[in-house]
Amino acid sequence: MRMLMLGGTGFVGSAIVAEGVRRGWTVTMFNRGIHGSTPLGVHRLRGDRTAPDGLAALAGGDWDLVVDTWDGMPRAVRDAARALRAAGRYAYVSSCSVYAPPVPAGAAEETPLVEAASDDPGDDDYARCKAGGERAVTEVFGERALLLRAGLILGPGEDVGRLPWWLRRVARGGDVLVPGPADLPVQYVDVRDLATFALDRAAEGVGGAFNVVSHPGHSTMGELLTEVVATTGSDARLCWTDPEPILAAGVEPWNDLPVWIPPGHEYRWLQELGVDRAYAAGLTCRPVAGTVGDTWRWLSRVGAVPPRAGRPVRVPVGLDPARETALLAATRPT
């Protein structure tokens, strides 16, 4: 199998490249050559897909599969798809953010999408960019387009820092502010399971859209954070706290306390997605212990969450220690 990876140095792209190499495929990466390194045995082509003639290095190439994770302007996806229309298939790593609000719990692949165009030159709206990217790939590749609508992605290499924040916070020890309830279901996908599913389906010639994320309740906040404590070997004490006082203090779910989206929140649907189609097609998700343990070993080796390759710097996730201390004091029973 001859695979072309557009990008390939970021969180998801690196995992897909590694999976392709593990399978013994012939793997080529196309990027600007600014970020990351090229794995042993992988061929690298250089170019900037946003520049005039930036796709010139792809001319004459012959690939069975193109994989693209682009989350900027849809026009760049359209131009790449047109330049590579002779390829066998085009797999586009999209996002469940493409669904138009209000999104119902259990949203499946037929749920309406946000309005988007394949020639949109803007890159300031993540949902619209991903939906426009889907439209661009589908316009060119039709049934040969594989659309992978990922949910929350965790695992080694994570460049947002959600699970790494919890790992480092728990490793620091002491009382840890933890949002309840402990049995709140958590839905996510390990980046390696996403890569495996993508390449399995592409190799089979499968097209169409899939919500690629675990069953709702694959883990819970309690199971996840208990595993974080065990993995880090920390003496930290998890201080489970009702959501109401945390929210009343202005704490933002998902960002201030990563992964957590409380019941009744407008974005709770992000952890209640319908996944029957992906599981029927062969998605498997590893136990939470594997994701937490491997992420901790990776984080301990690299020392810090890496920057997002080729994208603007994000505001760091996680509560400031002083703010957490104040919240712990305010929410403790007197």
C-alpha atoms as a PDB file:
ATOM      1  CA  MET A   1       0.000   0.000   0.000  1.00  0.00           C
ATOM      2  CA  ARG A   2       1.405   3.383  -1.039  1.00  0.00           C
ATOM      3  CA  MET A   3       0.287   6.093   1.379  1.00  0.00           C
ATOM      4  CA  LEU A   4       0.752   9.846   1.113  1.00  0.00           C
ATOM      5  CA  MET A   5       0.380  11.697   4.407  1.00  0.00           C
ATOM      6  CA  LEU A   6      -0.280  15.423   4.048  1.00  0.00           C
ATOM      7  CA  GLY A   7       1.458  16.922   7.067  1.00  0.00           C
ATOM      8  CA  GLY A   8       2.413  14.046   9.309  1.00  0.00           C
ATOM      9  CA  THR A   9       4.329  15.825  12.060  1.00  0.00           C
ATOM     10  CA  GLY A  10       1.444  16.677  14.402  1.00  0.00           C
ATOM     11  CA  PHE A  11      -0.395  14.569  16.959  1.00  0.00           C
ATOM     12  CA  VAL A  12      -2.764  12.632  14.706  1.00  0.00           C
ATOM     13  CA  GLY A  13      -0.607  12.710  11.580  1.00  0.00           C
ATOM     14  CA  SER A  14       2.392  11.242  13.395  1.00  0.00           C
ATOM     15  CA  ALA A  15       0.290   8.377  14.728  1.00  0.00           C
ATOM     16  CA  ILE A  16      -1.035   7.604  11.248  1.00  0.00           C
ATOM     17  CA  VAL A  17       2.471   7.674   9.750  1.00  0.00           C
ATOM     18  CA  ALA A  18       3.715   5.349  12.503  1.00  0.00           C
ATOM     19  CA  GLU A  19       0.858   2.938  11.861  1.00  0.00           C
ATOM     20  CA  GLY A  20       1.550   2.932   8.132  1.00  0.00           C
ATOM     21  CA  VAL A  21       5.234   2.174   8.763  1.00  0.00           C
ATOM     22  CA  ARG A  22       4.312  -0.582  11.228  1.00  0.00           C
ATOM     23  CA  ARG A  23       2.274  -2.247   8.465  1.00  0.00           C
ATOM     24  CA  GLY A  24       5.203  -2.172   6.085  1.00  0.00           C
ATOM     25  CA  TRP A  25       3.481   0.266   3.727  1.00  0.00           C
ATOM     26  CA  THR A  26       5.386   2.653   1.479  1.00  0.00           C
ATOM     27  CA  VAL A  27       4.843   5.981   3.253  1.00  0.00           C
ATOM     28  CA  THR A  28       5.485   9.481   1.924  1.00  0.00           C
ATOM     29  CA  MET A  29       5.014  12.675   3.929  1.00  0.00           C
ATOM     30  CA  PHE A  30       4.312  16.035   2.288  1.00  0.00           C
ATOM     31  CA  ASN A  31       4.878  19.146   4.407  1.00  0.00           C
ATOM     32  CA  ARG A  32       6.939  22.299   4.713  1.00  0.00           C
ATOM     33  CA  GLY A  33       9.806  20.566   6.513  1.00  0.00           C
ATOM     34  CA  ILE A  34       9.621  23.012   9.426  1.00  0.00           C
ATOM     35  CA  HIS A  35       8.229  20.836  12.205  1.00  0.00           C
ATOM     36  CA  GLY A  36       9.140  17.400  13.428  1.00  0.00           C
ATOM     37  CA  SER A  37      11.329  14.804  11.837  1.00  0.00           C
ATOM     38  CA  THR A  38      10.963  12.110   9.201  1.00  0.00           C
ATOM     39  CA  PRO A  39      10.710   8.546  10.559  1.00  0.00           C
ATOM     40  CA  LEU A  40      13.187   6.005   9.270  1.00  0.00           C
ATOM     41  CA  GLY A  41      12.076   4.602   5.930  1.00  0.00           C
ATOM     42  CA  VAL A  42       9.608   7.405   5.173  1.00  0.00           C
ATOM     43  CA  HIS A  43      10.106   9.586   2.105  1.00  0.00           C
ATOM     44  CA  ARG A  44       9.528  13.321   2.525  1.00  0.00           C
ATOM     45  CA  LEU A  45       8.319  15.786  -0.084  1.00  0.00           C
ATOM     46  CA  ARG A  46       8.440  19.482   0.704  1.00  0.00           C
ATOM     47  CA  GLY A  47       5.906  22.127  -0.155  1.00  0.00           C
ATOM     48  CA  ASP A  48       3.445  24.625   1.315  1.00  0.00           C
ATOM     49  CA  ARG A  49      -0.119  23.798   0.338  1.00  0.00           C
ATOM     50  CA  THR A  50      -1.215  27.406   0.984  1.00  0.00           C
ATOM     51  CA  ALA A  51       1.351  28.960  -1.396  1.00  0.00           C
ATOM     52  CA  PRO A  52       1.095  29.450  -5.163  1.00  0.00           C
ATOM     53  CA  ASP A  53       2.400  26.273  -6.816  1.00  0.00           C
ATOM     54  CA  GLY A  54       2.877  24.878  -3.301  1.00  0.00           C
ATOM     55  CA  LEU A  55       1.690  21.420  -4.390  1.00  0.00           C
ATOM     56  CA  ALA A  56       4.215  21.099  -7.223  1.00  0.00           C
ATOM     57  CA  ALA A  57       6.213  18.393  -5.441  1.00  0.00           C
ATOM     58  CA  LEU A  58       3.187  16.077  -5.680  1.00  0.00           C
ATOM     59  CA  ALA A  59       3.105  16.118  -9.484  1.00  0.00           C
ATOM     60  CA  GLY A  60       3.554  12.671 -10.997  1.00  0.00           C
ATOM     61  CA  GLY A  61       3.095  10.854  -7.708  1.00  0.00           C
ATOM     62  CA  ASP A  62       1.216   7.566  -7.584  1.00  0.00           C
ATOM     63  CA  TRP A  63      -0.543   6.695  -4.317  1.00  0.00           C
ATOM     64  CA  ASP A  64      -3.207   4.237  -3.241  1.00  0.00           C
ATOM     65  CA  LEU A  65      -4.225   6.401  -0.299  1.00  0.00           C
ATOM     66  CA  VAL A  66      -3.978  10.050   0.706  1.00  0.00           C
ATOM     67  CA  VAL A  67      -4.525  10.975   4.372  1.00  0.00           C
ATOM     68  CA  ASP A  68      -5.199  14.568   5.364  1.00  0.00           C
ATOM     69  CA  THR A  69      -5.702  16.124   8.828  1.00  0.00           C
ATOM     70  CA  TRP A  70      -5.869  19.782   7.729  1.00  0.00           C
ATOM     71  CA  ASP A  71      -8.025  22.024   9.940  1.00  0.00           C
ATOM     72  CA  GLY A  72      -7.445  25.370   8.219  1.00  0.00           C
ATOM     73  CA  MET A  73      -9.127  26.914   5.200  1.00  0.00           C
ATOM     74  CA  PRO A  74     -11.161  24.373   3.197  1.00  0.00           C
ATOM     75  CA  ARG A  75      -9.762  25.734  -0.061  1.00  0.00           C
ATOM     76  CA  ALA A  76      -6.423  24.096   0.787  1.00  0.00           C
ATOM     77  CA  VAL A  77      -8.146  20.709   1.101  1.00  0.00           C
ATOM     78  CA  ARG A  78      -9.967  21.279  -2.188  1.00  0.00           C
ATOM     79  CA  ASP A  79      -6.742  22.145  -4.007  1.00  0.00           C
ATOM     80  CA  ALA A  80      -4.919  19.104  -2.605  1.00  0.00           C
ATOM     81  CA  ALA A  81      -7.797  16.770  -3.478  1.00  0.00           C
ATOM     82  CA  ARG A  82      -7.884  18.097  -7.037  1.00  0.00           C
ATOM     83  CA  ALA A  83      -4.131  17.689  -7.418  1.00  0.00           C
ATOM     84  CA  LEU A  84      -4.351  14.116  -6.123  1.00  0.00           C
ATOM     85  CA  ARG A  85      -7.577  12.989  -7.789  1.00  0.00           C
ATOM     86  CA  ALA A  86      -5.741  10.048  -9.417  1.00  0.00           C
ATOM     87  CA  ALA A  87      -5.067   8.501  -5.991  1.00  0.00           C
ATOM     88  CA  GLY A  88      -7.109   5.471  -4.999  1.00  0.00           C
ATOM     89  CA  ARG A  89      -8.749   6.946  -1.889  1.00  0.00           C
ATOM     90  CA  TYR A  90      -8.670  10.098   0.225  1.00  0.00           C
ATOM     91  CA  ALA A  91      -9.099   9.796   4.002  1.00  0.00           C
ATOM     92  CA  TYR A  92      -9.873  13.082   5.735  1.00  0.00           C
ATOM     93  CA  VAL A  93      -9.579  13.272   9.523  1.00  0.00           C
ATOM     94  CA  SER A  94     -12.468  15.544  10.390  1.00  0.00           C
ATOM     95  CA  SER A  95     -14.224  16.245  13.684  1.00  0.00           C
ATOM     96  CA  CYS A  96     -17.584  15.736  15.326  1.00  0.00           C
ATOM     97  CA  SER A  97     -17.589  19.523  15.663  1.00  0.00           C
ATOM     98  CA  VAL A  98     -19.011  19.589  12.119  1.00  0.00           C
ATOM     99  CA  TYR A  99     -22.542  18.938  13.458  1.00  0.00           C
ATOM    100  CA  ALA A 100     -24.857  21.949  13.431  1.00  0.00           C
ATOM    101  CA  PRO A 101     -26.054  23.140  16.852  1.00  0.00           C
ATOM    102  CA  PRO A 102     -28.089  22.350  18.764  1.00  0.00           C
ATOM    103  CA  VAL A 103     -26.623  18.846  18.506  1.00  0.00           C
ATOM    104  CA  PRO A 104     -28.776  16.081  20.018  1.00  0.00           C
ATOM    105  CA  ALA A 105     -27.377  13.399  22.292  1.00  0.00           C
ATOM    106  CA  GLY A 106     -26.561  10.302  20.290  1.00  0.00           C
ATOM    107  CA  ALA A 107     -25.844  12.324  17.145  1.00  0.00           C
ATOM    108  CA  ALA A 108     -25.036   9.957  14.283  1.00  0.00           C
ATOM    109  CA  GLU A 109     -23.451  10.550  10.911  1.00  0.00           C
ATOM    110  CA  GLU A 110     -26.744  11.692   9.338  1.00  0.00           C
ATOM    111  CA  THR A 111     -27.031  14.638  11.758  1.00  0.00           C
ATOM    112  CA  PRO A 112     -27.084  17.970   9.841  1.00  0.00           C
ATOM    113  CA  LEU A 113     -23.735  19.740   9.447  1.00  0.00           C
ATOM    114  CA  VAL A 114     -22.805  23.393   9.824  1.00  0.00           C
ATOM    115  CA  GLU A 115     -22.992  25.435   6.634  1.00  0.00           C
ATOM    116  CA  ALA A 116     -19.658  25.297   4.842  1.00  0.00           C
ATOM    117  CA  ALA A 117     -18.164  25.620   1.368  1.00  0.00           C
ATOM    118  CA  SER A 118     -15.228  23.821  -0.213  1.00  0.00           C
ATOM    119  CA  ASP A 119     -13.779  27.084  -1.542  1.00  0.00           C
ATOM    120  CA  ASP A 120     -13.926  28.941   1.788  1.00  0.00           C
ATOM    121  CA  PRO A 121     -10.649  30.891   2.188  1.00  0.00           C
ATOM    122  CA  GLY A 122     -11.130  31.524   5.912  1.00  0.00           C
ATOM    123  CA  ASP A 123      -9.630  29.541   8.785  1.00  0.00           C
ATOM    124  CA  ASP A 124     -11.123  31.223  11.849  1.00  0.00           C
ATOM    125  CA  ASP A 125     -13.985  28.776  12.491  1.00  0.00           C
ATOM    126  CA  TYR A 126     -12.891  25.235  13.293  1.00  0.00           C
ATOM    127  CA  ALA A 127     -16.271  23.599  12.692  1.00  0.00           C
ATOM    128  CA  ARG A 128     -16.800  25.344   9.375  1.00  0.00           C
ATOM    129  CA  CYS A 129     -13.247  24.535   8.265  1.00  0.00           C
ATOM    130  CA  LYS A 130     -13.675  20.834   8.967  1.00  0.00           C
ATOM    131  CA  ALA A 131     -17.110  20.710   7.331  1.00  0.00           C
ATOM    132  CA  GLY A 132     -15.740  22.567   4.310  1.00  0.00           C
ATOM    133  CA  GLY A 133     -12.831  20.144   4.153  1.00  0.00           C
ATOM    134  CA  GLU A 134     -15.266  17.221   4.119  1.00  0.00           C
ATOM    135  CA  ARG A 135     -17.214  18.848   1.305  1.00  0.00           C
ATOM    136  CA  ALA A 136     -14.025  19.441  -0.686  1.00  0.00           C
ATOM    137  CA  VAL A 137     -12.877  15.818  -0.457  1.00  0.00           C
ATOM    138  CA  THR A 138     -16.329  14.481  -1.282  1.00  0.00           C
ATOM    139  CA  GLU A 139     -16.715  16.758  -4.299  1.00  0.00           C
ATOM    140  CA  VAL A 140     -13.515  15.377  -5.807  1.00  0.00           C
ATOM    141  CA  PHE A 141     -13.424  11.749  -4.599  1.00  0.00           C
ATOM    142  CA  GLY A 142     -17.113  10.934  -4.157  1.00  0.00           C
ATOM    143  CA  GLU A 143     -17.536   7.401  -2.753  1.00  0.00           C
ATOM    144  CA  ARG A 144     -13.748   7.094  -2.517  1.00  0.00           C
ATOM    145  CA  ALA A 145     -13.739   9.689   0.279  1.00  0.00           C
ATOM    146  CA  LEU A 146     -13.386   8.390   3.849  1.00  0.00           C
ATOM    147  CA  LEU A 147     -14.457  10.969   6.449  1.00  0.00           C
ATOM    148  CA  LEU A 148     -13.248  10.271   9.978  1.00  0.00           C
ATOM    149  CA  ARG A 149     -15.179  12.444  12.442  1.00  0.00           C
ATOM    150  CA  ALA A 150     -13.065  12.151  15.546  1.00  0.00           C
ATOM    151  CA  GLY A 151     -14.301  13.006  19.004  1.00  0.00           C
ATOM    152  CA  LEU A 152     -11.993  13.754  21.929  1.00  0.00           C
ATOM    153  CA  ILE A 153      -8.569  12.363  20.974  1.00  0.00           C
ATOM    154  CA  LEU A 154      -6.152  11.309  23.725  1.00  0.00           C
ATOM    155  CA  GLY A 155      -2.922   9.336  23.824  1.00  0.00           C
ATOM    156  CA  PRO A 156       0.854   9.713  23.460  1.00  0.00           C
ATOM    157  CA  GLY A 157       1.831  12.821  21.536  1.00  0.00           C
ATOM    158  CA  GLU A 158      -1.224  14.863  22.536  1.00  0.00           C
ATOM    159  CA  ASP A 159      -0.530  18.486  21.655  1.00  0.00           C
ATOM    160  CA  VAL A 160      -3.563  20.063  23.341  1.00  0.00           C
ATOM    161  CA  GLY A 161      -2.597  18.843  26.785  1.00  0.00           C
ATOM    162  CA  ARG A 162      -5.869  17.624  28.287  1.00  0.00           C
ATOM    163  CA  LEU A 163      -4.767  14.246  29.652  1.00  0.00           C
ATOM    164  CA  PRO A 164      -1.193  15.522  30.184  1.00  0.00           C
ATOM    165  CA  TRP A 165      -2.565  18.274  32.432  1.00  0.00           C
ATOM    166  CA  TRP A 166      -4.307  15.761  34.681  1.00  0.00           C
ATOM    167  CA  LEU A 167      -1.222  13.554  34.762  1.00  0.00           C
ATOM    168  CA  ARG A 168       1.076  16.386  35.766  1.00  0.00           C
ATOM    169  CA  ARG A 169      -1.404  17.835  38.243  1.00  0.00           C
ATOM    170  CA  VAL A 170      -1.926  14.499  40.005  1.00  0.00           C
ATOM    171  CA  ALA A 171       1.812  13.773  39.948  1.00  0.00           C
ATOM    172  CA  ARG A 172       2.329  17.033  41.862  1.00  0.00           C
ATOM    173  CA  GLY A 173       0.338  15.515  44.732  1.00  0.00           C
ATOM    174  CA  GLY A 174      -1.805  17.051  47.435  1.00  0.00           C
ATOM    175  CA  ASP A 175      -5.524  17.715  47.279  1.00  0.00           C
ATOM    176  CA  VAL A 176      -6.797  17.790  43.705  1.00  0.00           C
ATOM    177  CA  LEU A 177     -10.046  19.526  42.781  1.00  0.00           C
ATOM    178  CA  VAL A 178     -12.004  16.946  40.788  1.00  0.00           C
ATOM    179  CA  PRO A 179     -15.402  17.652  39.255  1.00  0.00           C
ATOM    180  CA  GLY A 180     -18.156  15.173  39.985  1.00  0.00           C
ATOM    181  CA  PRO A 181     -19.929  12.972  39.528  1.00  0.00           C
ATOM    182  CA  ALA A 182     -17.310  10.229  39.552  1.00  0.00           C
ATOM    183  CA  ASP A 183     -19.517   7.978  37.436  1.00  0.00           C
ATOM    184  CA  LEU A 184     -19.898  10.587  34.664  1.00  0.00           C
ATOM    185  CA  PRO A 185     -19.347   8.737  31.357  1.00  0.00           C
ATOM    186  CA  VAL A 186     -16.352   9.817  29.281  1.00  0.00           C
ATOM    187  CA  GLN A 187     -16.150   9.215  25.516  1.00  0.00           C
ATOM    188  CA  TYR A 188     -12.841   9.544  23.667  1.00  0.00           C
ATOM    189  CA  VAL A 189     -10.566   7.742  21.212  1.00  0.00           C
ATOM    190  CA  ASP A 190      -6.912   6.848  21.634  1.00  0.00           C
ATOM    191  CA  VAL A 191      -4.993   8.363  18.722  1.00  0.00           C
ATOM    192  CA  ARG A 192      -3.520   4.952  17.867  1.00  0.00           C
ATOM    193  CA  ASP A 193      -6.985   3.383  17.666  1.00  0.00           C
ATOM    194  CA  LEU A 194      -8.060   6.226  15.376  1.00  0.00           C
ATOM    195  CA  ALA A 195      -5.025   5.565  13.148  1.00  0.00           C
ATOM    196  CA  THR A 196      -5.721   1.838  13.042  1.00  0.00           C
ATOM    197  CA  PHE A 197      -9.372   2.329  12.144  1.00  0.00           C
ATOM    198  CA  ALA A 198      -8.524   4.862   9.432  1.00  0.00           C
ATOM    199  CA  LEU A 199      -5.969   2.660   7.701  1.00  0.00           C
ATOM    200  CA  ASP A 200      -8.003  -0.530   8.100  1.00  0.00           C
ATOM    201  CA  ARG A 201     -11.044   1.027   6.435  1.00  0.00           C
ATOM    202  CA  ALA A 202      -8.974   2.683   3.712  1.00  0.00           C
ATOM    203  CA  ALA A 203      -7.247  -0.602   2.903  1.00  0.00           C
ATOM    204  CA  GLU A 204     -10.664  -2.273   2.618  1.00  0.00           C
ATOM    205  CA  GLY A 205     -11.877   0.423   0.221  1.00  0.00           C
ATOM    206  CA  VAL A 206     -14.524   1.717   2.618  1.00  0.00           C
ATOM    207  CA  GLY A 207     -15.867   5.244   2.109  1.00  0.00           C
ATOM    208  CA  GLY A 208     -18.360   7.514   3.838  1.00  0.00           C
ATOM    209  CA  ALA A 209     -18.500   9.221   7.221  1.00  0.00           C
ATOM    210  CA  PHE A 210     -17.830   7.667  10.637  1.00  0.00           C
ATOM    211  CA  ASN A 211     -17.935   9.055  14.170  1.00  0.00           C
ATOM    212  CA  VAL A 212     -14.589   7.683  15.369  1.00  0.00           C
ATOM    213  CA  VAL A 213     -14.745   7.652  19.141  1.00  0.00           C
ATOM    214  CA  SER A 214     -15.434   5.072  21.851  1.00  0.00           C
ATOM    215  CA  HIS A 215     -18.821   4.058  23.133  1.00  0.00           C
ATOM    216  CA  PRO A 216     -20.222   6.617  25.598  1.00  0.00           C
ATOM    217  CA  GLY A 217     -19.054   5.359  28.971  1.00  0.00           C
ATOM    218  CA  HIS A 218     -15.984   3.558  27.636  1.00  0.00           C
ATOM    219  CA  SER A 219     -14.593   5.082  30.815  1.00  0.00           C
ATOM    220  CA  THR A 220     -15.810   7.475  33.503  1.00  0.00           C
ATOM    221  CA  MET A 221     -14.206  10.479  35.130  1.00  0.00           C
ATOM    222  CA  GLY A 222     -13.650   8.348  38.212  1.00  0.00           C
ATOM    223  CA  GLU A 223     -12.029   5.482  36.325  1.00  0.00           C
ATOM    224  CA  LEU A 224      -9.875   7.840  34.276  1.00  0.00           C
ATOM    225  CA  LEU A 225      -8.550   9.817  37.230  1.00  0.00           C
ATOM    226  CA  THR A 226      -8.135   6.772  39.469  1.00  0.00           C
ATOM    227  CA  GLU A 227      -5.951   5.322  36.725  1.00  0.00           C
ATOM    228  CA  VAL A 228      -4.004   8.606  36.569  1.00  0.00           C
ATOM    229  CA  VAL A 229      -3.270   8.331  40.305  1.00  0.00           C
ATOM    230  CA  ALA A 230      -2.176   4.708  39.981  1.00  0.00           C
ATOM    231  CA  THR A 231      -0.037   5.338  36.914  1.00  0.00           C
ATOM    232  CA  THR A 232       1.841   8.301  38.358  1.00  0.00           C
ATOM    233  CA  GLY A 233       2.310   6.627  41.750  1.00  0.00           C
ATOM    234  CA  SER A 234       1.206   9.867  43.360  1.00  0.00           C
ATOM    235  CA  ASP A 235      -0.073  10.380  46.902  1.00  0.00           C
ATOM    236  CA  ALA A 236      -2.606  12.891  45.560  1.00  0.00           C
ATOM    237  CA  ARG A 237      -6.087  12.896  47.058  1.00  0.00           C
ATOM    238  CA  LEU A 238      -8.960  13.287  44.594  1.00  0.00           C
ATOM    239  CA  CYS A 239     -11.415  15.775  46.106  1.00  0.00           C
ATOM    240  CA  TRP A 240     -14.661  15.038  44.297  1.00  0.00           C
ATOM    241  CA  THR A 241     -16.797  18.152  44.165  1.00  0.00           C
ATOM    242  CA  ASP A 242     -20.335  18.767  42.920  1.00  0.00           C
ATOM    243  CA  PRO A 243     -20.441  20.602  39.583  1.00  0.00           C
ATOM    244  CA  GLU A 244     -22.640  23.472  40.821  1.00  0.00           C
ATOM    245  CA  PRO A 245     -20.100  25.388  42.956  1.00  0.00           C
ATOM    246  CA  ILE A 246     -17.372  24.774  40.384  1.00  0.00           C
ATOM    247  CA  LEU A 247     -19.496  26.196  37.571  1.00  0.00           C
ATOM    248  CA  ALA A 248     -20.709  29.057  39.771  1.00  0.00           C
ATOM    249  CA  ALA A 249     -17.069  30.063  40.282  1.00  0.00           C
ATOM    250  CA  GLY A 250     -16.676  30.535  36.527  1.00  0.00           C
ATOM    251  CA  VAL A 251     -14.690  27.369  35.847  1.00  0.00           C
ATOM    252  CA  GLU A 252     -14.965  26.337  32.195  1.00  0.00           C
ATOM    253  CA  PRO A 253     -15.558  22.654  31.547  1.00  0.00           C
ATOM    254  CA  TRP A 254     -13.274  21.119  28.906  1.00  0.00           C
ATOM    255  CA  ASN A 255     -10.686  23.907  29.229  1.00  0.00           C
ATOM    256  CA  ASP A 256     -10.147  24.733  32.926  1.00  0.00           C
ATOM    257  CA  LEU A 257     -10.856  21.143  33.941  1.00  0.00           C
ATOM    258  CA  PRO A 258      -9.975  19.179  30.814  1.00  0.00           C
ATOM    259  CA  VAL A 259     -12.044  16.248  29.497  1.00  0.00           C
ATOM    260  CA  TRP A 260     -14.938  17.078  31.860  1.00  0.00           C
ATOM    261  CA  ILE A 261     -18.297  18.124  30.384  1.00  0.00           C
ATOM    262  CA  PRO A 262     -20.975  18.082  33.110  1.00  0.00           C
ATOM    263  CA  PRO A 263     -24.545  16.842  32.716  1.00  0.00           C
ATOM    264  CA  GLY A 264     -26.806  19.463  31.186  1.00  0.00           C
ATOM    265  CA  HIS A 265     -23.963  21.423  29.588  1.00  0.00           C
ATOM    266  CA  GLU A 266     -24.557  22.629  26.021  1.00  0.00           C
ATOM    267  CA  TYR A 267     -21.577  20.588  24.797  1.00  0.00           C
ATOM    268  CA  ARG A 268     -22.395  17.414  26.718  1.00  0.00           C
ATOM    269  CA  TRP A 269     -23.293  15.804  23.368  1.00  0.00           C
ATOM    270  CA  LEU A 270     -19.562  15.655  22.593  1.00  0.00           C
ATOM    271  CA  GLN A 271     -19.380  12.684  24.955  1.00  0.00           C
ATOM    272  CA  GLU A 272     -22.692  11.133  23.948  1.00  0.00           C
ATOM    273  CA  LEU A 273     -22.128  10.580  20.224  1.00  0.00           C
ATOM    274  CA  GLY A 274     -23.656   7.738  18.255  1.00  0.00           C
ATOM    275  CA  VAL A 275     -20.950   5.258  17.214  1.00  0.00           C
ATOM    276  CA  ASP A 276     -22.823   2.214  15.960  1.00  0.00           C
ATOM    277  CA  ARG A 277     -21.540   2.650  12.403  1.00  0.00           C
ATOM    278  CA  ALA A 278     -17.868   2.794  13.406  1.00  0.00           C
ATOM    279  CA  TYR A 279     -18.095  -0.213  15.718  1.00  0.00           C
ATOM    280  CA  ALA A 280     -19.962  -2.218  13.089  1.00  0.00           C
ATOM    281  CA  ALA A 281     -17.134  -1.380  10.667  1.00  0.00           C
ATOM    282  CA  GLY A 282     -14.462  -2.639  13.062  1.00  0.00           C
ATOM    283  CA  LEU A 283     -13.511   0.128  15.526  1.00  0.00           C
ATOM    284  CA  THR A 284     -11.894  -1.186  18.693  1.00  0.00           C
ATOM    285  CA  CYS A 285     -10.801   0.980  21.613  1.00  0.00           C
ATOM    286  CA  ARG A 286      -8.135  -0.036  24.103  1.00  0.00           C
ATOM    287  CA  PRO A 287      -8.767   0.102  27.880  1.00  0.00           C
ATOM    288  CA  VAL A 288      -8.254   3.399  29.662  1.00  0.00           C
ATOM    289  CA  ALA A 289      -5.196   1.998  31.474  1.00  0.00           C
ATOM    290  CA  GLY A 290      -3.359   1.650  28.157  1.00  0.00           C
ATOM    291  CA  THR A 291      -4.033   5.229  27.108  1.00  0.00           C
ATOM    292  CA  VAL A 292      -3.169   6.721  30.501  1.00  0.00           C
ATOM    293  CA  GLY A 293      -0.065   4.606  31.032  1.00  0.00           C
ATOM    294  CA  ASP A 294       1.414   5.144  27.587  1.00  0.00           C
ATOM    295  CA  THR A 295       0.678   8.873  27.716  1.00  0.00           C
ATOM    296  CA  TRP A 296       2.468   9.158  31.078  1.00  0.00           C
ATOM    297  CA  ARG A 297       5.515   7.289  29.794  1.00  0.00           C
ATOM    298  CA  TRP A 298       5.642   9.505  26.706  1.00  0.00           C
ATOM    299  CA  LEU A 299       5.171  12.696  28.743  1.00  0.00           C
ATOM    300  CA  SER A 300       7.882  11.653  31.210  1.00  0.00           C
ATOM    301  CA  ARG A 301      10.259  11.137  28.293  1.00  0.00           C
ATOM    302  CA  VAL A 302       9.573  14.382  26.371  1.00  0.00           C
ATOM    303  CA  GLY A 303       9.038  16.590  29.416  1.00  0.00           C
ATOM    304  CA  ALA A 304       6.408  18.950  27.986  1.00  0.00           C
ATOM    305  CA  VAL A 305       3.375  19.051  25.713  1.00  0.00           C
ATOM    306  CA  PRO A 306       4.628  19.806  22.191  1.00  0.00           C
ATOM    307  CA  PRO A 307       3.423  22.800  20.190  1.00  0.00           C
ATOM    308  CA  ARG A 308       0.777  22.196  17.543  1.00  0.00           C
ATOM    309  CA  ALA A 309       2.630  21.669  14.285  1.00  0.00           C
ATOM    310  CA  GLY A 310       1.911  24.446  11.849  1.00  0.00           C
ATOM    311  CA  ARG A 311      -1.026  25.920  13.784  1.00  0.00           C
ATOM    312  CA  PRO A 312      -1.465  28.956  16.062  1.00  0.00           C
ATOM    313  CA  VAL A 313      -0.497  28.598  19.701  1.00  0.00           C
ATOM    314  CA  ARG A 314      -3.449  27.657  21.906  1.00  0.00           C
ATOM    315  CA  VAL A 315      -4.183  29.017  25.354  1.00  0.00           C
ATOM    316  CA  PRO A 316      -2.944  26.314  27.765  1.00  0.00           C
ATOM    317  CA  VAL A 317      -5.618  24.139  29.338  1.00  0.00           C
ATOM    318  CA  GLY A 318      -6.003  23.528  33.046  1.00  0.00           C
ATOM    319  CA  LEU A 319      -6.621  25.480  36.231  1.00  0.00           C
ATOM    320  CA  ASP A 320      -3.997  27.797  37.614  1.00  0.00           C
ATOM    321  CA  PRO A 321      -2.700  26.337  40.924  1.00  0.00           C
ATOM    322  CA  ALA A 322      -3.671  29.413  42.946  1.00  0.00           C
ATOM    323  CA  ARG A 323      -7.189  29.326  41.575  1.00  0.00           C
ATOM    324  CA  GLU A 324      -7.499  25.633  42.320  1.00  0.00           C
ATOM    325  CA  THR A 325      -6.377  26.208  45.916  1.00  0.00           C
ATOM    326  CA  ALA A 326      -8.990  28.925  46.345  1.00  0.00           C
ATOM    327  CA  LEU A 327     -11.707  26.720  44.905  1.00  0.00           C
ATOM    328  CA  LEU A 328     -10.731  23.816  47.156  1.00  0.00           C
ATOM    329  CA  ALA A 329     -10.971  26.076  50.201  1.00  0.00           C
ATOM    330  CA  ALA A 330     -14.317  27.453  49.082  1.00  0.00           C
ATOM    331  CA  THR A 331     -15.894  24.078  48.375  1.00  0.00           C
ATOM    332  CA  ARG A 332     -14.691  22.156  51.438  1.00  0.00           C
ATOM    333  CA  PRO A 333     -17.374  21.490  54.070  1.00  0.00           C
ATOM    334  CA  THR A 334     -16.918  23.671  57.155  1.00  0.00           C
END
